[in-house]
Amino acid sequence: RQHASAIVSVRNGEVVAPRHLFQREFFVELGQL
């Protein structure tokens, strides 16, 4: 909400792990995973 970033991702230490927020424009890509 504050930065209007297209994607907000999370890193726990050195590990990228879910709690990822994506704008609508990425839904098609996500639906093909």
PDB file of all heavy atoms in Angstrom:
ATOM      1  N   ARG A   1       0.825  -1.218   0.000  1.00  0.00           N
ATOM      2  CA  ARG A   1       0.000   0.000   0.000  1.00  0.00           C
ATOM      3  C   ARG A   1       0.859   1.268   0.000  1.00  0.00           C
ATOM      4  O   ARG A   1       0.527   2.248  -0.663  1.00  0.00           O
ATOM      5  CB  ARG A   1      -0.931   0.008   1.207  1.00  0.00           C
ATOM      6  CG  ARG A   1      -2.059  -0.984   1.078  1.00  0.00           C
ATOM      7  CD  ARG A   1      -2.919  -0.999   2.311  1.00  0.00           C
ATOM      8  NE  ARG A   1      -4.105  -1.826   2.118  1.00  0.00           N
ATOM      9  CZ  ARG A   1      -4.857  -2.256   3.114  1.00  0.00           C
ATOM     10  NH1 ARG A   1      -4.555  -1.944   4.374  1.00  0.00           N
ATOM     11  NH2 ARG A   1      -5.914  -2.995   2.858  1.00  0.00           N
ATOM     12  N   GLN A   2       1.948   1.272   0.726  1.00  0.00           N
ATOM     13  CA  GLN A   2       2.772   2.479   0.855  1.00  0.00           C
ATOM     14  C   GLN A   2       3.676   2.729  -0.345  1.00  0.00           C
ATOM     15  O   GLN A   2       3.961   3.871  -0.691  1.00  0.00           O
ATOM     16  CB  GLN A   2       3.622   2.401   2.123  1.00  0.00           C
ATOM     17  CG  GLN A   2       2.811   2.484   3.380  1.00  0.00           C
ATOM     18  CD  GLN A   2       3.627   2.106   4.618  1.00  0.00           C
ATOM     19  OE1 GLN A   2       4.826   1.899   4.549  1.00  0.00           O
ATOM     20  NE2 GLN A   2       2.948   2.016   5.751  1.00  0.00           N
ATOM     21  N   HIS A   3       4.149   1.657  -0.974  1.00  0.00           N
ATOM     22  CA  HIS A   3       5.140   1.815  -2.039  1.00  0.00           C
ATOM     23  C   HIS A   3       4.617   1.462  -3.422  1.00  0.00           C
ATOM     24  O   HIS A   3       5.335   1.625  -4.398  1.00  0.00           O
ATOM     25  CB  HIS A   3       6.379   0.964  -1.732  1.00  0.00           C
ATOM     26  CG  HIS A   3       7.034   1.352  -0.458  1.00  0.00           C
ATOM     27  ND1 HIS A   3       7.856   2.450  -0.338  1.00  0.00           N
ATOM     28  CD2 HIS A   3       6.969   0.805   0.785  1.00  0.00           C
ATOM     29  CE1 HIS A   3       8.279   2.565   0.911  1.00  0.00           C
ATOM     30  NE2 HIS A   3       7.753   1.579   1.615  1.00  0.00           N
ATOM     31  N   ALA A   4       3.404   0.942  -3.495  1.00  0.00           N
ATOM     32  CA  ALA A   4       2.802   0.543  -4.775  1.00  0.00           C
ATOM     33  C   ALA A   4       3.757  -0.321  -5.594  1.00  0.00           C
ATOM     34  O   ALA A   4       3.832  -0.203  -6.811  1.00  0.00           O
ATOM     35  CB  ALA A   4       2.346   1.765  -5.564  1.00  0.00           C
ATOM     36  N   SER A   5       4.511  -1.163  -4.913  1.00  0.00           N
ATOM     37  CA  SER A   5       5.427  -2.073  -5.592  1.00  0.00           C
ATOM     38  C   SER A   5       4.615  -3.137  -6.333  1.00  0.00           C
ATOM     39  O   SER A   5       3.610  -3.617  -5.829  1.00  0.00           O
ATOM     40  CB  SER A   5       6.337  -2.732  -4.556  1.00  0.00           C
ATOM     41  OG  SER A   5       7.292  -3.522  -5.197  1.00  0.00           O
ATOM     42  N   ALA A   6       5.069  -3.513  -7.522  1.00  0.00           N
ATOM     43  CA  ALA A   6       4.353  -4.518  -8.311  1.00  0.00           C
ATOM     44  C   ALA A   6       4.342  -5.872  -7.605  1.00  0.00           C
ATOM     45  O   ALA A   6       3.370  -6.618  -7.679  1.00  0.00           O
ATOM     46  CB  ALA A   6       4.985  -4.646  -9.690  1.00  0.00           C
ATOM     47  N   ILE A   7       5.447  -6.182  -6.916  1.00  0.00           N
ATOM     48  CA  ILE A   7       5.568  -7.427  -6.162  1.00  0.00           C
ATOM     49  C   ILE A   7       6.223  -7.103  -4.820  1.00  0.00           C
ATOM     50  O   ILE A   7       7.201  -6.369  -4.774  1.00  0.00           O
ATOM     51  CB  ILE A   7       6.434  -8.465  -6.903  1.00  0.00           C
ATOM     52  CG1 ILE A   7       5.851  -8.802  -8.271  1.00  0.00           C
ATOM     53  CG2 ILE A   7       6.604  -9.737  -6.058  1.00  0.00           C
ATOM     54  CD1 ILE A   7       6.763  -9.672  -9.147  1.00  0.00           C
ATOM     55  N   VAL A   8       5.676  -7.663  -3.761  1.00  0.00           N
ATOM     56  CA  VAL A   8       6.321  -7.600  -2.451  1.00  0.00           C
ATOM     57  C   VAL A   8       6.652  -9.036  -2.090  1.00  0.00           C
ATOM     58  O   VAL A   8       5.771  -9.895  -2.033  1.00  0.00           O
ATOM     59  CB  VAL A   8       5.427  -6.972  -1.370  1.00  0.00           C
ATOM     60  CG1 VAL A   8       6.152  -6.953  -0.026  1.00  0.00           C
ATOM     61  CG2 VAL A   8       4.998  -5.562  -1.775  1.00  0.00           C
ATOM     62  N   SER A   9       7.929  -9.299  -1.887  1.00  0.00           N
ATOM     63  CA  SER A   9       8.403 -10.639  -1.601  1.00  0.00           C
ATOM     64  C   SER A   9       9.026 -10.679  -0.214  1.00  0.00           C
ATOM     65  O   SER A   9       9.354  -9.638   0.350  1.00  0.00           O
ATOM     66  CB  SER A   9       9.443 -11.037  -2.656  1.00  0.00           C
ATOM     67  OG  SER A   9       9.913 -12.342  -2.425  1.00  0.00           O
ATOM     68  N   VAL A  10       9.192 -11.869   0.301  1.00  0.00           N
ATOM     69  CA  VAL A  10       9.711 -12.032   1.660  1.00  0.00           C
ATOM     70  C   VAL A  10      10.932 -12.935   1.650  1.00  0.00           C
ATOM     71  O   VAL A  10      10.971 -13.953   0.954  1.00  0.00           O
ATOM     72  CB  VAL A  10       8.618 -12.623   2.579  1.00  0.00           C
ATOM     73  CG1 VAL A  10       9.189 -13.039   3.910  1.00  0.00           C
ATOM     74  CG2 VAL A  10       7.503 -11.612   2.772  1.00  0.00           C
ATOM     75  N   ARG A  11      11.895 -12.549   2.451  1.00  0.00           N
ATOM     76  CA  ARG A  11      13.102 -13.345   2.661  1.00  0.00           C
ATOM     77  C   ARG A  11      13.227 -13.564   4.159  1.00  0.00           C
ATOM     78  O   ARG A  11      13.168 -12.632   4.939  1.00  0.00           O
ATOM     79  CB  ARG A  11      14.304 -12.597   2.116  1.00  0.00           C
ATOM     80  CG  ARG A  11      15.606 -13.332   2.207  1.00  0.00           C
ATOM     81  CD  ARG A  11      16.711 -12.502   1.580  1.00  0.00           C
ATOM     82  NE  ARG A  11      16.558 -12.453   0.143  1.00  0.00           N
ATOM     83  CZ  ARG A  11      17.204 -13.262  -0.700  1.00  0.00           C
ATOM     84  NH1 ARG A  11      18.050 -14.143  -0.248  1.00  0.00           N
ATOM     85  NH2 ARG A  11      17.012 -13.173  -1.983  1.00  0.00           N
ATOM     86  N   ASN A  12      13.368 -14.821   4.546  1.00  0.00           N
ATOM     87  CA  ASN A  12      13.623 -15.175   5.939  1.00  0.00           C
ATOM     88  C   ASN A  12      15.079 -15.587   6.016  1.00  0.00           C
ATOM     89  O   ASN A  12      15.437 -16.668   5.550  1.00  0.00           O
ATOM     90  CB  ASN A  12      12.723 -16.315   6.401  1.00  0.00           C
ATOM     91  CG  ASN A  12      11.276 -15.898   6.459  1.00  0.00           C
ATOM     92  OD1 ASN A  12      10.572 -15.963   5.457  1.00  0.00           O
ATOM     93  ND2 ASN A  12      10.840 -15.441   7.603  1.00  0.00           N
ATOM     94  N   GLY A  13      15.922 -14.712   6.567  1.00  0.00           N
ATOM     95  CA  GLY A  13      17.348 -14.982   6.515  1.00  0.00           C
ATOM     96  C   GLY A  13      17.766 -14.963   5.058  1.00  0.00           C
ATOM     97  O   GLY A  13      17.565 -13.981   4.362  1.00  0.00           O
ATOM     98  N   GLU A  14      18.289 -16.078   4.584  1.00  0.00           N
ATOM     99  CA  GLU A  14      18.715 -16.178   3.179  1.00  0.00           C
ATOM    100  C   GLU A  14      17.688 -16.878   2.298  1.00  0.00           C
ATOM    101  O   GLU A  14      17.919 -17.076   1.102  1.00  0.00           O
ATOM    102  CB  GLU A  14      20.057 -16.922   3.097  1.00  0.00           C
ATOM    103  CG  GLU A  14      21.201 -16.152   3.738  1.00  0.00           C
ATOM    104  CD  GLU A  14      21.380 -14.776   3.107  1.00  0.00           C
ATOM    105  OE1 GLU A  14      21.401 -14.663   1.870  1.00  0.00           O
ATOM    106  OE2 GLU A  14      21.485 -13.798   3.875  1.00  0.00           O
ATOM    107  N   VAL A  15      16.546 -17.254   2.857  1.00  0.00           N
ATOM    108  CA  VAL A  15      15.569 -18.051   2.128  1.00  0.00           C
ATOM    109  C   VAL A  15      14.382 -17.193   1.686  1.00  0.00           C
ATOM    110  O   VAL A  15      13.737 -16.538   2.502  1.00  0.00           O
ATOM    111  CB  VAL A  15      15.055 -19.218   3.008  1.00  0.00           C
ATOM    112  CG1 VAL A  15      14.019 -20.045   2.265  1.00  0.00           C
ATOM    113  CG2 VAL A  15      16.219 -20.089   3.457  1.00  0.00           C
ATOM    114  N   VAL A  16      14.115 -17.206   0.386  1.00  0.00           N
ATOM    115  CA  VAL A  16      12.913 -16.563  -0.138  1.00  0.00           C
ATOM    116  C   VAL A  16      11.773 -17.547   0.073  1.00  0.00           C
ATOM    117  O   VAL A  16      11.863 -18.708  -0.321  1.00  0.00           O
ATOM    118  CB  VAL A  16      13.074 -16.232  -1.639  1.00  0.00           C
ATOM    119  CG1 VAL A  16      11.782 -15.699  -2.218  1.00  0.00           C
ATOM    120  CG2 VAL A  16      14.218 -15.249  -1.834  1.00  0.00           C
ATOM    121  N   ALA A  17      10.721 -17.078   0.737  1.00  0.00           N
ATOM    122  CA  ALA A  17       9.625 -17.987   1.085  1.00  0.00           C
ATOM    123  C   ALA A  17       8.294 -17.271   0.940  1.00  0.00           C
ATOM    124  O   ALA A  17       8.221 -16.047   1.057  1.00  0.00           O
ATOM    125  CB  ALA A  17       9.803 -18.476   2.517  1.00  0.00           C
ATOM    126  N   PRO A  18       7.238 -18.042   0.683  1.00  0.00           N
ATOM    127  CA  PRO A  18       5.925 -17.430   0.501  1.00  0.00           C
ATOM    128  C   PRO A  18       5.503 -16.525   1.649  1.00  0.00           C
ATOM    129  O   PRO A  18       5.853 -16.728   2.807  1.00  0.00           O
ATOM    130  CB  PRO A  18       4.990 -18.621   0.388  1.00  0.00           C
ATOM    131  CG  PRO A  18       5.844 -19.687  -0.179  1.00  0.00           C
ATOM    132  CD  PRO A  18       7.187 -19.469   0.459  1.00  0.00           C
ATOM    133  N   ARG A  19       4.780 -15.666   1.250  1.00  0.00           N
ATOM    134  CA  ARG A  19       4.133 -14.453   1.663  1.00  0.00           C
ATOM    135  C   ARG A  19       4.544 -13.475   0.590  1.00  0.00           C
ATOM    136  O   ARG A  19       5.293 -12.554   0.822  1.00  0.00           O
ATOM    137  CB  ARG A  19       4.588 -13.937   3.032  1.00  0.00           C
ATOM    138  CG  ARG A  19       3.802 -14.500   4.158  1.00  0.00           C
ATOM    139  CD  ARG A  19       4.500 -14.245   5.472  1.00  0.00           C
ATOM    140  NE  ARG A  19       5.633 -15.154   5.564  1.00  0.00           N
ATOM    141  CZ  ARG A  19       6.828 -14.804   5.978  1.00  0.00           C
ATOM    142  NH1 ARG A  19       7.087 -13.594   6.405  1.00  0.00           N
ATOM    143  NH2 ARG A  19       7.806 -15.677   5.999  1.00  0.00           N
ATOM    144  N   HIS A  20       4.153 -13.754  -0.609  1.00  0.00           N
ATOM    145  CA  HIS A  20       4.465 -12.886  -1.732  1.00  0.00           C
ATOM    146  C   HIS A  20       3.173 -12.235  -2.190  1.00  0.00           C
ATOM    147  O   HIS A  20       2.161 -12.913  -2.347  1.00  0.00           O
ATOM    148  CB  HIS A  20       5.060 -13.675  -2.904  1.00  0.00           C
ATOM    149  CG  HIS A  20       6.234 -14.525  -2.538  1.00  0.00           C
ATOM    150  ND1 HIS A  20       7.385 -14.016  -1.959  1.00  0.00           N
ATOM    151  CD2 HIS A  20       6.436 -15.852  -2.663  1.00  0.00           C
ATOM    152  CE1 HIS A  20       8.243 -14.999  -1.757  1.00  0.00           C
ATOM    153  NE2 HIS A  20       7.683 -16.123  -2.165  1.00  0.00           N
ATOM    154  N   LEU A  21       3.241 -10.940  -2.428  1.00  0.00           N
ATOM    155  CA  LEU A  21       2.076 -10.220  -2.905  1.00  0.00           C
ATOM    156  C   LEU A  21       2.348  -9.753  -4.330  1.00  0.00           C
ATOM    157  O   LEU A  21       3.396  -9.164  -4.602  1.00  0.00           O
ATOM    158  CB  LEU A  21       1.789  -9.028  -1.985  1.00  0.00           C
ATOM    159  CG  LEU A  21       0.470  -8.323  -2.215  1.00  0.00           C
ATOM    160  CD1 LEU A  21      -0.077  -7.796  -0.894  1.00  0.00           C
ATOM    161  CD2 LEU A  21       0.580  -7.207  -3.227  1.00  0.00           C
ATOM    162  N   PHE A  22       1.399 -10.049  -5.217  1.00  0.00           N
ATOM    163  CA  PHE A  22       1.546  -9.734  -6.635  1.00  0.00           C
ATOM    164  C   PHE A  22       0.391  -8.865  -7.104  1.00  0.00           C
ATOM    165  O   PHE A  22      -0.770  -9.136  -6.765  1.00  0.00           O
ATOM    166  CB  PHE A  22       1.518 -11.020  -7.480  1.00  0.00           C
ATOM    167  CG  PHE A  22       2.640 -11.963  -7.202  1.00  0.00           C
ATOM    168  CD1 PHE A  22       2.519 -12.943  -6.233  1.00  0.00           C
ATOM    169  CD2 PHE A  22       3.816 -11.897  -7.932  1.00  0.00           C
ATOM    170  CE1 PHE A  22       3.544 -13.842  -5.983  1.00  0.00           C
ATOM    171  CE2 PHE A  22       4.859 -12.787  -7.691  1.00  0.00           C
ATOM    172  CZ  PHE A  22       4.718 -13.758  -6.721  1.00  0.00           C
ATOM    173  N   GLN A  23       0.705  -7.859  -7.918  1.00  0.00           N
ATOM    174  CA  GLN A  23      -0.355  -7.101  -8.566  1.00  0.00           C
ATOM    175  C   GLN A  23      -1.034  -7.990  -9.604  1.00  0.00           C
ATOM    176  O   GLN A  23      -0.465  -8.983 -10.082  1.00  0.00           O
ATOM    177  CB  GLN A  23       0.206  -5.856  -9.254  1.00  0.00           C
ATOM    178  CG  GLN A  23       0.549  -4.756  -8.292  1.00  0.00           C
ATOM    179  CD  GLN A  23       1.020  -3.495  -9.007  1.00  0.00           C
ATOM    180  OE1 GLN A  23       1.493  -3.527 -10.144  1.00  0.00           O
ATOM    181  NE2 GLN A  23       0.909  -2.381  -8.306  1.00  0.00           N
ATOM    182  N   ARG A  24      -2.229  -7.619  -9.979  1.00  0.00           N
ATOM    183  CA  ARG A  24      -3.060  -8.381 -10.913  1.00  0.00           C
ATOM    184  C   ARG A  24      -2.330  -8.744 -12.216  1.00  0.00           C
ATOM    185  O   ARG A  24      -2.532  -9.831 -12.751  1.00  0.00           O
ATOM    186  CB  ARG A  24      -4.312  -7.576 -11.240  1.00  0.00           C
ATOM    187  CG  ARG A  24      -5.107  -8.126 -12.414  1.00  0.00           C
ATOM    188  CD  ARG A  24      -6.378  -7.379 -12.659  1.00  0.00           C
ATOM    189  NE  ARG A  24      -7.425  -7.798 -11.765  1.00  0.00           N
ATOM    190  CZ  ARG A  24      -8.016  -8.990 -11.799  1.00  0.00           C
ATOM    191  NH1 ARG A  24      -7.635  -9.882 -12.669  1.00  0.00           N
ATOM    192  NH2 ARG A  24      -8.963  -9.301 -10.962  1.00  0.00           N
ATOM    193  N   GLU A  25      -1.472  -7.890 -12.695  1.00  0.00           N
ATOM    194  CA  GLU A  25      -0.798  -8.149 -13.978  1.00  0.00           C
ATOM    195  C   GLU A  25      -0.003  -9.460 -13.980  1.00  0.00           C
ATOM    196  O   GLU A  25       0.308  -9.987 -15.041  1.00  0.00           O
ATOM    197  CB  GLU A  25       0.115  -6.985 -14.354  1.00  0.00           C
ATOM    198  CG  GLU A  25       1.341  -6.861 -13.471  1.00  0.00           C
ATOM    199  CD  GLU A  25       2.215  -5.678 -13.833  1.00  0.00           C
ATOM    200  OE1 GLU A  25       3.086  -5.836 -14.714  1.00  0.00           O
ATOM    201  OE2 GLU A  25       2.014  -4.615 -13.235  1.00  0.00           O
ATOM    202  N   PHE A  26       0.302 -10.003 -12.804  1.00  0.00           N
ATOM    203  CA  PHE A  26       1.074 -11.245 -12.710  1.00  0.00           C
ATOM    204  C   PHE A  26       0.198 -12.485 -12.544  1.00  0.00           C
ATOM    205  O   PHE A  26       0.711 -13.597 -12.517  1.00  0.00           O
ATOM    206  CB  PHE A  26       2.069 -11.158 -11.542  1.00  0.00           C
ATOM    207  CG  PHE A  26       3.040 -10.031 -11.703  1.00  0.00           C
ATOM    208  CD1 PHE A  26       2.853  -8.841 -11.008  1.00  0.00           C
ATOM    209  CD2 PHE A  26       4.107 -10.121 -12.581  1.00  0.00           C
ATOM    210  CE1 PHE A  26       3.729  -7.782 -11.164  1.00  0.00           C
ATOM    211  CE2 PHE A  26       4.987  -9.073 -12.748  1.00  0.00           C
ATOM    212  CZ  PHE A  26       4.793  -7.885 -12.038  1.00  0.00           C
ATOM    213  N   PHE A  27      -1.110 -12.315 -12.436  1.00  0.00           N
ATOM    214  CA  PHE A  27      -1.992 -13.457 -12.181  1.00  0.00           C
ATOM    215  C   PHE A  27      -1.900 -14.512 -13.280  1.00  0.00           C
ATOM    216  O   PHE A  27      -1.915 -15.704 -13.000  1.00  0.00           O
ATOM    217  CB  PHE A  27      -3.440 -13.009 -12.000  1.00  0.00           C
ATOM    218  CG  PHE A  27      -3.715 -12.248 -10.719  1.00  0.00           C
ATOM    219  CD1 PHE A  27      -2.714 -11.981  -9.784  1.00  0.00           C
ATOM    220  CD2 PHE A  27      -4.988 -11.786 -10.460  1.00  0.00           C
ATOM    221  CE1 PHE A  27      -2.982 -11.272  -8.616  1.00  0.00           C
ATOM    222  CE2 PHE A  27      -5.273 -11.084  -9.290  1.00  0.00           C
ATOM    223  CZ  PHE A  27      -4.273 -10.833  -8.377  1.00  0.00           C
ATOM    224  N   VAL A  28      -1.808 -14.080 -14.539  1.00  0.00           N
ATOM    225  CA  VAL A  28      -1.710 -15.053 -15.642  1.00  0.00           C
ATOM    226  C   VAL A  28      -0.451 -15.896 -15.495  1.00  0.00           C
ATOM    227  O   VAL A  28      -0.492 -17.126 -15.595  1.00  0.00           O
ATOM    228  CB  VAL A  28      -1.760 -14.345 -17.013  1.00  0.00           C
ATOM    229  CG1 VAL A  28      -1.435 -15.328 -18.143  1.00  0.00           C
ATOM    230  CG2 VAL A  28      -3.134 -13.721 -17.230  1.00  0.00           C
ATOM    231  N   GLU A  29       0.678 -15.247 -15.214  1.00  0.00           N
ATOM    232  CA  GLU A  29       1.941 -15.984 -15.012  1.00  0.00           C
ATOM    233  C   GLU A  29       1.834 -16.947 -13.834  1.00  0.00           C
ATOM    234  O   GLU A  29       2.290 -18.084 -13.906  1.00  0.00           O
ATOM    235  CB  GLU A  29       3.101 -15.017 -14.735  1.00  0.00           C
ATOM    236  CG  GLU A  29       3.749 -14.453 -15.955  1.00  0.00           C
ATOM    237  CD  GLU A  29       4.946 -13.601 -15.576  1.00  0.00           C
ATOM    238  OE1 GLU A  29       6.030 -14.188 -15.317  1.00  0.00           O
ATOM    239  OE2 GLU A  29       4.797 -12.363 -15.538  1.00  0.00           O
ATOM    240  N   LEU A  30       1.242 -16.476 -12.749  1.00  0.00           N
ATOM    241  CA  LEU A  30       1.087 -17.329 -11.563  1.00  0.00           C
ATOM    242  C   LEU A  30       0.198 -18.525 -11.864  1.00  0.00           C
ATOM    243  O   LEU A  30       0.432 -19.626 -11.365  1.00  0.00           O
ATOM    244  CB  LEU A  30       0.512 -16.518 -10.400  1.00  0.00           C
ATOM    245  CG  LEU A  30       1.418 -15.416  -9.864  1.00  0.00           C
ATOM    246  CD1 LEU A  30       0.641 -14.475  -8.951  1.00  0.00           C
ATOM    247  CD2 LEU A  30       2.620 -16.010  -9.136  1.00  0.00           C
ATOM    248  N   GLY A  31      -0.793 -18.332 -12.689  1.00  0.00           N
ATOM    249  CA  GLY A  31      -1.704 -19.409 -13.054  1.00  0.00           C
ATOM    250  C   GLY A  31      -1.083 -20.453 -13.961  1.00  0.00           C
ATOM    251  O   GLY A  31      -1.685 -21.498 -14.209  1.00  0.00           O
ATOM    252  N   GLN A  32       0.120 -20.206 -14.454  1.00  0.00           N
ATOM    253  CA  GLN A  32       0.804 -21.155 -15.332  1.00  0.00           C
ATOM    254  C   GLN A  32       1.936 -21.895 -14.638  1.00  0.00           C
ATOM    255  O   GLN A  32       2.644 -22.682 -15.251  1.00  0.00           O
ATOM    256  CB  GLN A  32       1.352 -20.416 -16.561  1.00  0.00           C
ATOM    257  CG  GLN A  32       0.251 -19.818 -17.401  1.00  0.00           C
ATOM    258  CD  GLN A  32       0.776 -18.900 -18.488  1.00  0.00           C
ATOM    259  OE1 GLN A  32       1.949 -18.556 -18.531  1.00  0.00           O
ATOM    260  NE2 GLN A  32      -0.114 -18.502 -19.371  1.00  0.00           N
ATOM    261  N   LEU A  33       2.104 -21.653 -13.336  1.00  0.00           N
ATOM    262  CA  LEU A  33       3.205 -22.268 -12.601  1.00  0.00           C
ATOM    263  C   LEU A  33       2.988 -23.762 -12.389  1.00  0.00           C
ATOM    264  O   LEU A  33       1.868 -24.223 -12.235  1.00  0.00           O
ATOM    265  CB  LEU A  33       3.355 -21.599 -11.233  1.00  0.00           C
ATOM    266  CG  LEU A  33       3.819 -20.148 -11.239  1.00  0.00           C
ATOM    267  CD1 LEU A  33       3.716 -19.557  -9.837  1.00  0.00           C
ATOM    268  CD2 LEU A  33       5.238 -20.051 -11.760  1.00  0.00           C
TER     269      LEU A  33
END
